[in-house]
Amino acid sequence: MAHVRVPVRTLGTVRWGALAYMGDTHEICGEKADCIDQKFSFAGGHRVRLFRFKKNVHWKIPQGVELDIAAVAPAQAARRHQGR
């Protein structure tokens, strides 16, 4: 499985994955999403909405984001092609 490195930003004692550095628009899907704070105060006093995603959460990787495949094992040939 390929990996994406996400910058980490610490605000107070909380660490946040900084997806904003990876693109302008992000698509996130999950089985359940709740807005838990409509006026969450983030870095520099920016007001943002805070959501909680549950179960089967995925993030659509924006074009241009580099994937780290250094630790990915090469695929093996299909059985019908081995040894021929």
Protein backbone atom coordinates (compact mmCIF):
# COMPACT_ATOMS: atom_id res chain seq x y z
CA MET A 1 0.00 0.00 0.00
CA ALA A 2 1.37 3.44 -0.92
CA HIS A 3 1.68 6.14 1.73
CA VAL A 4 1.20 9.91 1.78
CA ARG A 5 3.25 12.05 4.15
CA VAL A 6 1.10 14.64 5.90
CA PRO A 7 2.67 17.66 7.63
CA VAL A 8 1.76 17.88 11.32
CA ARG A 9 0.93 21.17 13.00
CA THR A 10 0.75 21.41 16.80
CA LEU A 11 -1.64 23.94 18.32
CA GLY A 12 -1.40 23.98 22.09
CA THR A 13 -1.22 20.30 22.99
CA VAL A 14 -3.22 19.05 19.97
CA ARG A 15 -1.56 17.70 16.82
CA TRP A 16 -3.38 18.24 13.50
CA GLY A 17 -2.61 16.69 10.11
CA ALA A 18 -2.17 19.77 7.90
CA LEU A 19 -3.97 18.78 4.68
CA ALA A 20 -4.20 22.49 3.73
CA TYR A 21 -0.54 22.37 2.65
CA MET A 22 -1.33 19.58 0.21
CA GLY A 23 -4.01 21.29 -1.89
CA ASP A 24 -6.78 23.88 -1.93
CA THR A 25 -9.73 21.48 -2.05
CA HIS A 26 -10.22 18.19 -0.22
CA GLU A 27 -12.89 15.52 -0.54
CA ILE A 28 -13.41 13.34 2.53
CA CYS A 29 -15.96 10.55 2.82
CA GLY A 30 -17.12 8.53 5.78
CA GLU A 31 -20.11 6.52 6.88
CA LYS A 32 -21.05 9.20 9.39
CA ALA A 33 -20.09 12.89 9.61
CA ASP A 34 -21.19 15.31 12.33
CA CYS A 35 -20.48 19.02 12.65
CA ILE A 36 -19.44 19.29 16.30
CA ASP A 37 -18.56 23.01 16.33
CA GLN A 38 -19.86 25.63 13.86
CA LYS A 39 -17.39 28.30 15.04
CA PHE A 40 -14.25 26.41 16.05
CA SER A 41 -11.32 28.75 16.77
CA PHE A 42 -8.24 27.49 14.94
CA ALA A 43 -4.71 28.87 14.41
CA GLY A 44 -4.53 32.66 14.35
CA GLY A 45 -8.15 32.99 15.46
CA HIS A 46 -9.52 31.61 12.18
CA ARG A 47 -13.10 30.44 12.59
CA VAL A 48 -13.68 27.09 10.94
CA ARG A 49 -16.20 24.28 11.25
CA LEU A 50 -15.06 21.20 13.15
CA PHE A 51 -16.39 17.86 11.88
CA ARG A 52 -16.10 14.35 13.27
CA PHE A 53 -16.02 11.49 10.75
CA LYS A 54 -16.68 7.93 11.85
CA LYS A 55 -16.18 4.51 10.26
CA ASN A 56 -14.58 3.92 6.89
CA VAL A 57 -13.12 7.43 6.50
CA HIS A 58 -11.14 8.20 3.32
CA TRP A 59 -9.53 11.28 1.83
CA LYS A 60 -9.35 11.77 -1.94
CA ILE A 61 -5.68 12.49 -2.68
CA PRO A 62 -5.37 15.72 -4.70
CA GLN A 63 -3.48 15.63 -8.01
CA GLY A 64 0.17 16.52 -7.57
CA VAL A 65 0.52 14.94 -4.10
CA GLU A 66 3.54 12.64 -4.10
CA LEU A 67 3.01 9.03 -3.01
CA ASP A 68 5.75 7.22 -1.10
CA ILE A 69 5.96 3.71 -2.53
CA ALA A 70 9.48 2.88 -1.28
CA ALA A 71 8.20 0.19 1.13
CA VAL A 72 5.70 -1.35 -1.30
CA ALA A 73 6.57 -4.88 -2.43
CA PRO A 74 6.55 -5.45 -6.21
CA ALA A 75 3.41 -7.16 -7.53
CA GLN A 76 3.71 -10.83 -8.40
CA ALA A 77 2.71 -12.03 -11.85
CA ALA A 78 -0.67 -13.73 -12.18
CA ARG A 79 -0.49 -17.54 -11.77
CA ARG A 80 -1.17 -18.28 -15.41
CA HIS A 81 1.93 -16.26 -16.41
CA GLN A 82 4.39 -17.72 -13.90
CA GLY A 83 6.90 -20.23 -15.19
CA ARG A 84 6.11 -19.78 -18.87
